[in-house]
Amino acid sequence: MLNSDAPDHTRLRRLTTAAFTPRRVDALRPRIARLAAGLAGDLAARLERDGTTDLVDAFAFPLPVLVIGEVLGVPEADRADLRAWTYRVGSPADALAPGAVDDAWTALHAYFTALIADKRRAPGDDLFSCLVHDAREGGLADGELLAMAFLLLFAGYETTMNLLASATLLLLTHPDELAAARQDTAGRYWDAVTEEALRHASPLEGTTWRRTTEDVDMGGGAVIPAGASVLVVLAAANRDPGRFPEPDAFRPGRYLPGPERAAAHAAFGHGPHFCLGARLARLEATVALPLLFDALPGLRLAVDPGLLPYRPGLLVRGPRELPVAW
């Protein structure tokens, strides 16, 4: 779906949108809260035992993977394997033994092929089952379903992992903003924290590659010729000083309700390819972040934030690890 245009994209989008209605996504709130609370408890136990731990590994990565497991209807008995395979294929190439990434890709491909066959025989009440209809009846073919499973898995966990990690880092380095969020019992400040983290630390730095079909006049003498490859940098748009006053400052208050509320950011893209999972990502962050800081009120960084390694590449952005102490 990411690499197609109308009419193929329109068909795929229509079928997938039906599975991601607000009602279906919002129904995941209690489950997300239980998963986040459990992971926060595990994180606290790690800190009690070891003194420090990596918040990405213990919280920001496993939560969205477990949530996507819910979306895809992965049986609970299989979710440890899903988490392990996803961790391997999402790790930098130098972090694992030779062959480990290829083995994980093979395992994921085989698993989702079998899962699709199971869903065709006995659909469940998960979102993925909504997509499993006979292709002759206007549904997705097996290849399209397999591609959709991978898209939901990786788009659903990688971006939300970076959102959770970056938002936590921003709050730990801006204690006044963290205090303001914790004092707001209505939860509006946590909503604002999520929007500002999406803008300030865009989890997806750029779109997938695009190609112009005709000359595009950008103004000021800049013309992109037809047939050129284009990488739209969402992170740059989200720091546009013409749209956001003090764009480099982390100020969640700019997204509080009211007439002075900031302009919409571009973290989820724009137009026909606007992220289908935007509501789910926001839900995960606004549920998980207050639970994390309620469970660990003394949470603090264990390293100089300026020394934190970040994930490589041009597409996604977030801390590769986030050592914390309590």
C-alpha atoms as a PDB file:
ATOM      1  CA  MET A   1       0.000   0.000   0.000  1.00  0.00           C
ATOM      2  CA  LEU A   2       2.908   2.379   0.705  1.00  0.00           C
ATOM      3  CA  ASN A   3       4.258   2.009  -2.813  1.00  0.00           C
ATOM      4  CA  SER A   4       1.067   2.102  -4.859  1.00  0.00           C
ATOM      5  CA  ASP A   5      -1.083   4.858  -6.337  1.00  0.00           C
ATOM      6  CA  ALA A   6      -4.761   4.997  -7.280  1.00  0.00           C
ATOM      7  CA  PRO A   7      -6.654   2.934  -8.212  1.00  0.00           C
ATOM      8  CA  ASP A   8      -4.754   0.102  -6.454  1.00  0.00           C
ATOM      9  CA  HIS A   9      -3.991   2.243  -3.431  1.00  0.00           C
ATOM     10  CA  THR A  10      -7.608   3.405  -3.217  1.00  0.00           C
ATOM     11  CA  ARG A  11      -8.852  -0.182  -3.110  1.00  0.00           C
ATOM     12  CA  LEU A  12      -6.317  -1.290  -0.495  1.00  0.00           C
ATOM     13  CA  ARG A  13      -6.925   1.815   1.579  1.00  0.00           C
ATOM     14  CA  ARG A  14     -10.699   1.347   1.514  1.00  0.00           C
ATOM     15  CA  LEU A  15     -10.474  -2.251   2.690  1.00  0.00           C
ATOM     16  CA  THR A  16      -7.974  -1.442   5.448  1.00  0.00           C
ATOM     17  CA  THR A  17      -9.770   1.664   6.695  1.00  0.00           C
ATOM     18  CA  ALA A  18     -12.824  -0.463   7.418  1.00  0.00           C
ATOM     19  CA  ALA A  19     -10.740  -2.467   9.889  1.00  0.00           C
ATOM     20  CA  PHE A  20      -9.359   0.638  11.642  1.00  0.00           C
ATOM     21  CA  THR A  21     -12.573   2.415  12.575  1.00  0.00           C
ATOM     22  CA  PRO A  22     -12.376   4.598  15.718  1.00  0.00           C
ATOM     23  CA  ARG A  23     -14.677   2.177  17.533  1.00  0.00           C
ATOM     24  CA  ARG A  24     -12.431  -0.799  16.840  1.00  0.00           C
ATOM     25  CA  VAL A  25      -9.247   1.053  17.763  1.00  0.00           C
ATOM     26  CA  ASP A  26     -10.684   2.581  20.943  1.00  0.00           C
ATOM     27  CA  ALA A  27     -11.830  -0.864  22.066  1.00  0.00           C
ATOM     28  CA  LEU A  28      -8.133  -1.716  22.520  1.00  0.00           C
ATOM     29  CA  ARG A  29      -7.710   0.863  25.319  1.00  0.00           C
ATOM     30  CA  PRO A  30      -8.243  -1.549  28.267  1.00  0.00           C
ATOM     31  CA  ARG A  31      -5.882  -4.115  26.776  1.00  0.00           C
ATOM     32  CA  ILE A  32      -3.215  -1.469  26.087  1.00  0.00           C
ATOM     33  CA  ALA A  33      -3.510  -0.274  29.682  1.00  0.00           C
ATOM     34  CA  ARG A  34      -3.050  -3.816  31.022  1.00  0.00           C
ATOM     35  CA  LEU A  35      -0.046  -4.455  28.803  1.00  0.00           C
ATOM     36  CA  ALA A  36       1.573  -1.115  29.684  1.00  0.00           C
ATOM     37  CA  ALA A  37       0.994  -1.625  33.414  1.00  0.00           C
ATOM     38  CA  GLY A  38       2.521  -5.095  33.233  1.00  0.00           C
ATOM     39  CA  LEU A  39       5.594  -3.847  31.381  1.00  0.00           C
ATOM     40  CA  ALA A  40       5.996  -0.937  33.811  1.00  0.00           C
ATOM     41  CA  GLY A  41       5.940  -3.444  36.664  1.00  0.00           C
ATOM     42  CA  ASP A  42       8.557  -5.580  34.920  1.00  0.00           C
ATOM     43  CA  LEU A  43      10.669  -2.461  34.359  1.00  0.00           C
ATOM     44  CA  ALA A  44      10.458  -1.584  38.057  1.00  0.00           C
ATOM     45  CA  ALA A  45      11.575  -5.112  38.959  1.00  0.00           C
ATOM     46  CA  ARG A  46      14.552  -4.825  36.612  1.00  0.00           C
ATOM     47  CA  LEU A  47      15.554  -1.533  38.180  1.00  0.00           C
ATOM     48  CA  GLU A  48      15.260  -2.959  41.683  1.00  0.00           C
ATOM     49  CA  ARG A  49      17.470  -5.859  40.658  1.00  0.00           C
ATOM     50  CA  ASP A  50      20.048  -4.184  38.428  1.00  0.00           C
ATOM     51  CA  GLY A  51      19.921  -0.472  39.265  1.00  0.00           C
ATOM     52  CA  THR A  52      19.721   0.540  35.600  1.00  0.00           C
ATOM     53  CA  THR A  53      18.049  -0.858  32.491  1.00  0.00           C
ATOM     54  CA  ASP A  54      17.265   0.063  28.888  1.00  0.00           C
ATOM     55  CA  LEU A  55      13.778   1.537  28.604  1.00  0.00           C
ATOM     56  CA  VAL A  56      13.641   0.843  24.860  1.00  0.00           C
ATOM     57  CA  ASP A  57      14.238  -2.870  25.382  1.00  0.00           C
ATOM     58  CA  ALA A  58      12.010  -3.151  28.466  1.00  0.00           C
ATOM     59  CA  PHE A  59       9.076  -0.878  27.579  1.00  0.00           C
ATOM     60  CA  ALA A  60       9.105   1.143  24.342  1.00  0.00           C
ATOM     61  CA  PHE A  61       9.764  -1.859  22.066  1.00  0.00           C
ATOM     62  CA  PRO A  62       7.636  -4.647  23.617  1.00  0.00           C
ATOM     63  CA  LEU A  63       4.465  -2.597  24.136  1.00  0.00           C
ATOM     64  CA  PRO A  64       3.719  -1.781  20.483  1.00  0.00           C
ATOM     65  CA  VAL A  65       4.747  -5.283  19.406  1.00  0.00           C
ATOM     66  CA  LEU A  66       2.278  -6.777  21.882  1.00  0.00           C
ATOM     67  CA  VAL A  67      -0.432  -4.348  20.751  1.00  0.00           C
ATOM     68  CA  ILE A  68       0.167  -5.220  17.103  1.00  0.00           C
ATOM     69  CA  GLY A  69      -0.137  -8.841  18.171  1.00  0.00           C
ATOM     70  CA  GLU A  70      -3.648  -7.946  19.328  1.00  0.00           C
ATOM     71  CA  VAL A  71      -4.402  -6.196  16.036  1.00  0.00           C
ATOM     72  CA  LEU A  72      -3.161  -9.145  13.981  1.00  0.00           C
ATOM     73  CA  GLY A  73      -4.910 -11.698  16.176  1.00  0.00           C
ATOM     74  CA  VAL A  74      -1.670 -13.491  17.057  1.00  0.00           C
ATOM     75  CA  PRO A  75      -2.407 -16.082  19.772  1.00  0.00           C
ATOM     76  CA  GLU A  76      -0.837 -15.195  23.113  1.00  0.00           C
ATOM     77  CA  ALA A  77       1.227 -18.391  23.042  1.00  0.00           C
ATOM     78  CA  ASP A  78       2.968 -17.134  19.872  1.00  0.00           C
ATOM     79  CA  ARG A  79       3.681 -13.559  20.954  1.00  0.00           C
ATOM     80  CA  ALA A  80       7.037 -14.277  22.573  1.00  0.00           C
ATOM     81  CA  ASP A  81       8.224 -15.659  19.225  1.00  0.00           C
ATOM     82  CA  LEU A  82       6.755 -12.677  17.370  1.00  0.00           C
ATOM     83  CA  ARG A  83       8.591 -10.317  19.720  1.00  0.00           C
ATOM     84  CA  ALA A  84      11.886 -12.199  19.265  1.00  0.00           C
ATOM     85  CA  TRP A  85      11.649 -12.298  15.456  1.00  0.00           C
ATOM     86  CA  THR A  86      10.628  -8.639  15.275  1.00  0.00           C
ATOM     87  CA  TYR A  87      13.506  -7.621  17.540  1.00  0.00           C
ATOM     88  CA  ARG A  88      15.981  -9.401  15.275  1.00  0.00           C
ATOM     89  CA  VAL A  89      14.784  -7.958  11.976  1.00  0.00           C
ATOM     90  CA  GLY A  90      14.576  -4.494  13.517  1.00  0.00           C
ATOM     91  CA  SER A  91      18.072  -4.576  15.002  1.00  0.00           C
ATOM     92  CA  PRO A  92      21.057  -2.864  13.363  1.00  0.00           C
ATOM     93  CA  ALA A  93      23.063  -5.245  11.173  1.00  0.00           C
ATOM     94  CA  ASP A  94      26.051  -5.209  13.530  1.00  0.00           C
ATOM     95  CA  ALA A  95      24.020  -6.153  16.616  1.00  0.00           C
ATOM     96  CA  LEU A  96      23.375  -9.846  15.881  1.00  0.00           C
ATOM     97  CA  ALA A  97      25.212 -12.971  14.797  1.00  0.00           C
ATOM     98  CA  PRO A  98      25.524 -13.585  11.035  1.00  0.00           C
ATOM     99  CA  GLY A  99      22.376 -15.182   9.633  1.00  0.00           C
ATOM    100  CA  ALA A 100      20.145 -14.246  12.572  1.00  0.00           C
ATOM    101  CA  VAL A 101      18.261 -11.561  10.636  1.00  0.00           C
ATOM    102  CA  ASP A 102      17.668 -13.795   7.606  1.00  0.00           C
ATOM    103  CA  ASP A 103      16.430 -16.593   9.855  1.00  0.00           C
ATOM    104  CA  ALA A 104      14.002 -14.211  11.564  1.00  0.00           C
ATOM    105  CA  TRP A 105      12.644 -12.964   8.211  1.00  0.00           C
ATOM    106  CA  THR A 106      12.093 -16.565   7.102  1.00  0.00           C
ATOM    107  CA  ALA A 107      10.302 -17.393  10.361  1.00  0.00           C
ATOM    108  CA  LEU A 108       8.058 -14.320  10.091  1.00  0.00           C
ATOM    109  CA  HIS A 109       7.152 -15.067   6.478  1.00  0.00           C
ATOM    110  CA  ALA A 110       6.245 -18.658   7.318  1.00  0.00           C
ATOM    111  CA  TYR A 111       4.327 -17.619  10.431  1.00  0.00           C
ATOM    112  CA  PHE A 112       2.167 -15.007   8.727  1.00  0.00           C
ATOM    113  CA  THR A 113       1.492 -17.286   5.770  1.00  0.00           C
ATOM    114  CA  ALA A 114       0.123 -19.861   8.219  1.00  0.00           C
ATOM    115  CA  LEU A 115      -1.743 -17.193  10.222  1.00  0.00           C
ATOM    116  CA  ILE A 116      -3.540 -15.972   7.082  1.00  0.00           C
ATOM    117  CA  ALA A 117      -4.611 -19.524   6.290  1.00  0.00           C
ATOM    118  CA  ASP A 118      -5.912 -19.896   9.849  1.00  0.00           C
ATOM    119  CA  LYS A 119      -7.848 -16.615   9.621  1.00  0.00           C
ATOM    120  CA  ARG A 120      -9.443 -17.684   6.354  1.00  0.00           C
ATOM    121  CA  ARG A 121     -10.658 -20.892   8.009  1.00  0.00           C
ATOM    122  CA  ALA A 122     -11.773 -19.291  11.267  1.00  0.00           C
ATOM    123  CA  PRO A 123     -11.754 -15.450  11.425  1.00  0.00           C
ATOM    124  CA  GLY A 124     -11.640 -13.945  14.913  1.00  0.00           C
ATOM    125  CA  ASP A 125     -12.698 -10.569  16.288  1.00  0.00           C
ATOM    126  CA  ASP A 126      -9.270  -8.953  15.749  1.00  0.00           C
ATOM    127  CA  LEU A 127      -8.741  -6.157  13.239  1.00  0.00           C
ATOM    128  CA  PHE A 128      -6.724  -8.344  10.882  1.00  0.00           C
ATOM    129  CA  SER A 129      -9.610 -10.805  10.542  1.00  0.00           C
ATOM    130  CA  CYS A 130     -11.677  -7.961   9.090  1.00  0.00           C
ATOM    131  CA  LEU A 131      -9.320  -7.976   6.103  1.00  0.00           C
ATOM    132  CA  VAL A 132      -9.564 -11.700   5.520  1.00  0.00           C
ATOM    133  CA  HIS A 133     -12.226 -12.083   2.835  1.00  0.00           C
ATOM    134  CA  ASP A 134     -12.110 -14.150  -0.303  1.00  0.00           C
ATOM    135  CA  ALA A 135     -10.408 -12.093  -3.029  1.00  0.00           C
ATOM    136  CA  ARG A 136     -13.215 -13.092  -5.395  1.00  0.00           C
ATOM    137  CA  GLU A 137     -15.591 -11.223  -3.071  1.00  0.00           C
ATOM    138  CA  GLY A 138     -13.585  -8.013  -3.185  1.00  0.00           C
ATOM    139  CA  GLY A 139     -11.140  -8.881  -0.393  1.00  0.00           C
ATOM    140  CA  LEU A 140      -7.366  -9.079  -0.349  1.00  0.00           C
ATOM    141  CA  ALA A 141      -5.448 -11.838  -2.095  1.00  0.00           C
ATOM    142  CA  ASP A 142      -2.984 -13.907  -0.040  1.00  0.00           C
ATOM    143  CA  GLY A 143       0.007 -11.891  -1.280  1.00  0.00           C
ATOM    144  CA  GLU A 144      -1.732  -8.631  -0.405  1.00  0.00           C
ATOM    145  CA  LEU A 145      -2.654  -9.950   3.042  1.00  0.00           C
ATOM    146  CA  LEU A 146       0.931 -11.007   3.662  1.00  0.00           C
ATOM    147  CA  ALA A 147       2.200  -7.579   2.630  1.00  0.00           C
ATOM    148  CA  MET A 148      -0.431  -5.969   4.872  1.00  0.00           C
ATOM    149  CA  ALA A 149       0.624  -8.110   7.834  1.00  0.00           C
ATOM    150  CA  PHE A 150       4.217  -6.954   7.463  1.00  0.00           C
ATOM    151  CA  LEU A 151       3.149  -3.345   6.982  1.00  0.00           C
ATOM    152  CA  LEU A 152       0.975  -3.396  10.107  1.00  0.00           C
ATOM    153  CA  LEU A 153       3.713  -5.107  12.104  1.00  0.00           C
ATOM    154  CA  PHE A 154       6.634  -2.867  11.217  1.00  0.00           C
ATOM    155  CA  ALA A 155       4.800   0.416  10.722  1.00  0.00           C
ATOM    156  CA  GLY A 156       2.887  -0.314  13.917  1.00  0.00           C
ATOM    157  CA  TYR A 157       5.787  -1.101  16.206  1.00  0.00           C
ATOM    158  CA  GLU A 158       8.823   0.820  14.882  1.00  0.00           C
ATOM    159  CA  THR A 159       7.184   4.236  14.824  1.00  0.00           C
ATOM    160  CA  THR A 160       5.366   3.838  18.151  1.00  0.00           C
ATOM    161  CA  MET A 161       8.530   2.500  19.780  1.00  0.00           C
ATOM    162  CA  ASN A 162      10.338   5.663  18.710  1.00  0.00           C
ATOM    163  CA  LEU A 163       7.437   7.831  19.881  1.00  0.00           C
ATOM    164  CA  LEU A 164       7.416   6.261  23.355  1.00  0.00           C
ATOM    165  CA  ALA A 165      11.200   6.412  23.722  1.00  0.00           C
ATOM    166  CA  SER A 166      11.511   9.980  22.439  1.00  0.00           C
ATOM    167  CA  ALA A 167       8.583  11.251  24.514  1.00  0.00           C
ATOM    168  CA  THR A 168      10.073   9.672  27.657  1.00  0.00           C
ATOM    169  CA  LEU A 169      13.460  11.221  26.908  1.00  0.00           C
ATOM    170  CA  LEU A 170      11.909  14.642  26.328  1.00  0.00           C
ATOM    171  CA  LEU A 171       9.964  14.474  29.601  1.00  0.00           C
ATOM    172  CA  LEU A 172      12.997  13.338  31.583  1.00  0.00           C
ATOM    173  CA  THR A 173      15.014  16.247  30.188  1.00  0.00           C
ATOM    174  CA  HIS A 174      12.155  18.739  30.716  1.00  0.00           C
ATOM    175  CA  PRO A 175      11.070  18.134  34.330  1.00  0.00           C
ATOM    176  CA  ASP A 176       8.709  21.132  34.388  1.00  0.00           C
ATOM    177  CA  GLU A 177       6.737  19.650  31.490  1.00  0.00           C
ATOM    178  CA  LEU A 178       6.652  16.262  33.195  1.00  0.00           C
ATOM    179  CA  ALA A 179       5.353  17.868  36.381  1.00  0.00           C
ATOM    180  CA  ALA A 180       2.653  19.714  34.431  1.00  0.00           C
ATOM    181  CA  ALA A 181       1.514  16.484  32.784  1.00  0.00           C
ATOM    182  CA  ARG A 182       1.385  14.605  36.079  1.00  0.00           C
ATOM    183  CA  GLN A 183      -0.655  17.352  37.727  1.00  0.00           C
ATOM    184  CA  ASP A 184      -3.333  17.344  35.014  1.00  0.00           C
ATOM    185  CA  THR A 185      -5.917  14.818  36.180  1.00  0.00           C
ATOM    186  CA  ALA A 186      -8.059  15.428  33.078  1.00  0.00           C
ATOM    187  CA  GLY A 187      -5.332  13.963  30.865  1.00  0.00           C
ATOM    188  CA  ARG A 188      -5.307  16.828  28.387  1.00  0.00           C
ATOM    189  CA  TYR A 189      -1.646  17.546  29.022  1.00  0.00           C
ATOM    190  CA  TRP A 190      -0.699  13.963  28.169  1.00  0.00           C
ATOM    191  CA  ASP A 191      -2.533  14.403  24.864  1.00  0.00           C
ATOM    192  CA  ALA A 192      -0.518  17.577  24.291  1.00  0.00           C
ATOM    193  CA  VAL A 193       2.738  15.822  25.243  1.00  0.00           C
ATOM    194  CA  THR A 194       2.014  13.158  22.638  1.00  0.00           C
ATOM    195  CA  GLU A 195       1.312  15.698  19.880  1.00  0.00           C
ATOM    196  CA  GLU A 196       4.386  17.764  20.721  1.00  0.00           C
ATOM    197  CA  ALA A 197       6.617  14.672  20.842  1.00  0.00           C
ATOM    198  CA  LEU A 198       5.290  13.666  17.418  1.00  0.00           C
ATOM    199  CA  ARG A 199       6.157  17.123  16.097  1.00  0.00           C
ATOM    200  CA  HIS A 200       9.422  17.763  17.940  1.00  0.00           C
ATOM    201  CA  ALA A 201      10.938  14.266  17.600  1.00  0.00           C
ATOM    202  CA  SER A 202       9.217  12.902  14.504  1.00  0.00           C
ATOM    203  CA  PRO A 203       9.358   9.071  14.811  1.00  0.00           C
ATOM    204  CA  LEU A 204       9.261   8.867  11.015  1.00  0.00           C
ATOM    205  CA  GLU A 205      11.736  11.387   9.611  1.00  0.00           C
ATOM    206  CA  GLY A 206      10.685  11.044   6.005  1.00  0.00           C
ATOM    207  CA  THR A 207       8.212   9.394   3.693  1.00  0.00           C
ATOM    208  CA  THR A 208       9.047   6.507   1.423  1.00  0.00           C
ATOM    209  CA  TRP A 209      10.508   7.661  -1.891  1.00  0.00           C
ATOM    210  CA  ARG A 210       8.272   9.425  -4.390  1.00  0.00           C
ATOM    211  CA  ARG A 211       8.759  10.256  -8.065  1.00  0.00           C
ATOM    212  CA  THR A 212       7.463  13.329  -9.860  1.00  0.00           C
ATOM    213  CA  THR A 213       5.216  12.735 -12.857  1.00  0.00           C
ATOM    214  CA  GLU A 214       5.653  16.291 -14.135  1.00  0.00           C
ATOM    215  CA  ASP A 215       7.795  19.365 -13.421  1.00  0.00           C
ATOM    216  CA  VAL A 216       7.028  20.811  -9.966  1.00  0.00           C
ATOM    217  CA  ASP A 217       7.679  24.516  -9.363  1.00  0.00           C
ATOM    218  CA  MET A 218       8.563  24.956  -5.686  1.00  0.00           C
ATOM    219  CA  GLY A 219       8.886  28.730  -6.008  1.00  0.00           C
ATOM    220  CA  GLY A 220      11.980  30.845  -5.579  1.00  0.00           C
ATOM    221  CA  GLY A 221      13.487  29.415  -8.742  1.00  0.00           C
ATOM    222  CA  ALA A 222      13.470  25.796  -7.511  1.00  0.00           C
ATOM    223  CA  VAL A 223      11.958  23.354  -9.995  1.00  0.00           C
ATOM    224  CA  ILE A 224      11.903  19.585  -9.527  1.00  0.00           C
ATOM    225  CA  PRO A 225      11.958  18.015 -12.989  1.00  0.00           C
ATOM    226  CA  ALA A 226       9.581  15.269 -14.073  1.00  0.00           C
ATOM    227  CA  GLY A 227      10.842  11.788 -13.290  1.00  0.00           C
ATOM    228  CA  ALA A 228      12.944  12.884 -10.316  1.00  0.00           C
ATOM    229  CA  SER A 229      13.150  10.935  -7.076  1.00  0.00           C
ATOM    230  CA  VAL A 230      11.941  12.905  -4.063  1.00  0.00           C
ATOM    231  CA  LEU A 231      12.287  12.241  -0.348  1.00  0.00           C
ATOM    232  CA  VAL A 232       9.836  14.358   1.654  1.00  0.00           C
ATOM    233  CA  VAL A 233      11.385  15.110   5.061  1.00  0.00           C
ATOM    234  CA  LEU A 234       8.530  15.223   7.561  1.00  0.00           C
ATOM    235  CA  ALA A 235      10.907  16.105  10.405  1.00  0.00           C
ATOM    236  CA  ALA A 236      11.918  19.293   8.596  1.00  0.00           C
ATOM    237  CA  ALA A 237       8.284  20.249   7.997  1.00  0.00           C
ATOM    238  CA  ASN A 238       7.624  19.775  11.717  1.00  0.00           C
ATOM    239  CA  ARG A 239      10.380  22.258  12.586  1.00  0.00           C
ATOM    240  CA  ASP A 240       9.238  24.896  10.072  1.00  0.00           C
ATOM    241  CA  PRO A 241       9.606  28.283  11.850  1.00  0.00           C
ATOM    242  CA  GLY A 242       6.972  29.750   9.562  1.00  0.00           C
ATOM    243  CA  ARG A 243       4.428  27.332  11.008  1.00  0.00           C
ATOM    244  CA  PHE A 244       5.650  26.708  14.571  1.00  0.00           C
ATOM    245  CA  PRO A 245       6.996  29.514  16.790  1.00  0.00           C
ATOM    246  CA  GLU A 246      10.199  28.402  18.518  1.00  0.00           C
ATOM    247  CA  PRO A 247      10.183  25.154  16.532  1.00  0.00           C
ATOM    248  CA  ASP A 248      13.187  23.641  18.331  1.00  0.00           C
ATOM    249  CA  ALA A 249      11.628  24.075  21.792  1.00  0.00           C
ATOM    250  CA  PHE A 250       9.693  21.232  23.429  1.00  0.00           C
ATOM    251  CA  ARG A 251       6.485  22.974  24.486  1.00  0.00           C
ATOM    252  CA  PRO A 252       3.494  20.636  24.878  1.00  0.00           C
ATOM    253  CA  GLY A 253       1.331  23.590  25.885  1.00  0.00           C
ATOM    254  CA  ARG A 254       1.158  24.628  22.251  1.00  0.00           C
ATOM    255  CA  TYR A 255      -1.177  21.643  21.694  1.00  0.00           C
ATOM    256  CA  LEU A 256      -3.553  22.299  24.564  1.00  0.00           C
ATOM    257  CA  PRO A 257      -7.156  23.027  23.501  1.00  0.00           C
ATOM    258  CA  GLY A 258      -7.896  26.680  22.803  1.00  0.00           C
ATOM    259  CA  PRO A 259      -7.639  29.404  20.177  1.00  0.00           C
ATOM    260  CA  GLU A 260      -3.822  29.439  20.387  1.00  0.00           C
ATOM    261  CA  ARG A 261      -3.459  25.726  19.646  1.00  0.00           C
ATOM    262  CA  ALA A 262      -0.598  25.083  17.231  1.00  0.00           C
ATOM    263  CA  ALA A 263      -1.044  24.071  13.625  1.00  0.00           C
ATOM    264  CA  ALA A 264      -1.291  20.380  12.819  1.00  0.00           C
ATOM    265  CA  HIS A 265       2.049  18.591  12.452  1.00  0.00           C
ATOM    266  CA  ALA A 266       3.058  16.275   9.616  1.00  0.00           C
ATOM    267  CA  ALA A 267       4.261  13.273  11.678  1.00  0.00           C
ATOM    268  CA  PHE A 268       1.604  11.010  10.148  1.00  0.00           C
ATOM    269  CA  GLY A 269       2.039  12.280   6.607  1.00  0.00           C
ATOM    270  CA  HIS A 270      -0.603  13.968   4.489  1.00  0.00           C
ATOM    271  CA  GLY A 271      -3.153  13.208   1.823  1.00  0.00           C
ATOM    272  CA  PRO A 272      -3.998   9.728   0.476  1.00  0.00           C
ATOM    273  CA  HIS A 273      -1.100   8.124   2.380  1.00  0.00           C
ATOM    274  CA  PHE A 274      -1.933   9.638   5.779  1.00  0.00           C
ATOM    275  CA  CYS A 275      -1.079   6.981   8.375  1.00  0.00           C
ATOM    276  CA  LEU A 276      -3.940   4.558   9.010  1.00  0.00           C
ATOM    277  CA  GLY A 277      -2.546   3.790  12.467  1.00  0.00           C
ATOM    278  CA  ALA A 278      -2.458   7.401  13.691  1.00  0.00           C
ATOM    279  CA  ARG A 279      -5.302   6.899  16.151  1.00  0.00           C
ATOM    280  CA  LEU A 280      -3.744   3.709  17.513  1.00  0.00           C
ATOM    281  CA  ALA A 281      -0.309   5.332  17.954  1.00  0.00           C
ATOM    282  CA  ARG A 282      -1.831   8.267  19.823  1.00  0.00           C
ATOM    283  CA  LEU A 283      -3.863   5.907  21.981  1.00  0.00           C
ATOM    284  CA  GLU A 284      -0.810   3.841  22.928  1.00  0.00           C
ATOM    285  CA  ALA A 285       1.193   6.924  23.908  1.00  0.00           C
ATOM    286  CA  THR A 286      -1.549   8.669  25.882  1.00  0.00           C
ATOM    287  CA  VAL A 287      -2.307   5.453  27.795  1.00  0.00           C
ATOM    288  CA  ALA A 288       1.252   4.200  28.318  1.00  0.00           C
ATOM    289  CA  LEU A 289       3.138   7.368  29.259  1.00  0.00           C
ATOM    290  CA  PRO A 290       1.092   8.321  32.354  1.00  0.00           C
ATOM    291  CA  LEU A 291       1.096   4.674  33.482  1.00  0.00           C
ATOM    292  CA  LEU A 292       4.874   4.556  33.153  1.00  0.00           C
ATOM    293  CA  PHE A 293       5.501   7.692  35.189  1.00  0.00           C
ATOM    294  CA  ASP A 294       2.884   6.783  37.789  1.00  0.00           C
ATOM    295  CA  ALA A 295       4.535   3.404  38.316  1.00  0.00           C
ATOM    296  CA  LEU A 296       8.050   4.901  38.381  1.00  0.00           C
ATOM    297  CA  PRO A 297       7.781   8.412  39.831  1.00  0.00           C
ATOM    298  CA  GLY A 298      11.538   8.604  40.444  1.00  0.00           C
ATOM    299  CA  LEU A 299      12.530   7.533  36.918  1.00  0.00           C
ATOM    300  CA  ARG A 300      15.636   9.341  35.654  1.00  0.00           C
ATOM    301  CA  LEU A 301      18.196   9.084  32.877  1.00  0.00           C
ATOM    302  CA  ALA A 302      21.268   7.011  33.700  1.00  0.00           C
ATOM    303  CA  VAL A 303      23.495   8.625  31.028  1.00  0.00           C
ATOM    304  CA  ASP A 304      24.214  12.009  29.486  1.00  0.00           C
ATOM    305  CA  PRO A 305      21.421  12.500  26.909  1.00  0.00           C
ATOM    306  CA  GLY A 306      23.953  13.949  24.500  1.00  0.00           C
ATOM    307  CA  LEU A 307      25.703  10.572  24.337  1.00  0.00           C
ATOM    308  CA  LEU A 308      22.643   8.491  23.459  1.00  0.00           C
ATOM    309  CA  PRO A 309      22.945   6.473  20.225  1.00  0.00           C
ATOM    310  CA  TYR A 310      20.132   6.875  17.691  1.00  0.00           C
ATOM    311  CA  ARG A 311      18.709   4.443  15.179  1.00  0.00           C
ATOM    312  CA  PRO A 312      20.534   4.659  11.830  1.00  0.00           C
ATOM    313  CA  GLY A 313      18.967   5.485   8.489  1.00  0.00           C
ATOM    314  CA  LEU A 314      16.930   8.187   6.782  1.00  0.00           C
ATOM    315  CA  LEU A 315      13.441   6.867   7.473  1.00  0.00           C
ATOM    316  CA  VAL A 316      12.938   6.446  11.228  1.00  0.00           C
ATOM    317  CA  ARG A 317      14.327   8.318  14.215  1.00  0.00           C
ATOM    318  CA  GLY A 318      14.502   7.422  17.883  1.00  0.00           C
ATOM    319  CA  PRO A 319      16.970   6.457  20.612  1.00  0.00           C
ATOM    320  CA  ARG A 320      18.603   3.117  19.924  1.00  0.00           C
ATOM    321  CA  GLU A 321      18.726   2.653  23.677  1.00  0.00           C
ATOM    322  CA  LEU A 322      17.591   4.706  26.680  1.00  0.00           C
ATOM    323  CA  PRO A 323      19.370   3.711  29.926  1.00  0.00           C
ATOM    324  CA  VAL A 324      17.313   4.738  32.968  1.00  0.00           C
ATOM    325  CA  ALA A 325      17.612   4.437  36.724  1.00  0.00           C
ATOM    326  CA  TRP A 326      15.193   4.805  39.617  1.00  0.00           C
END
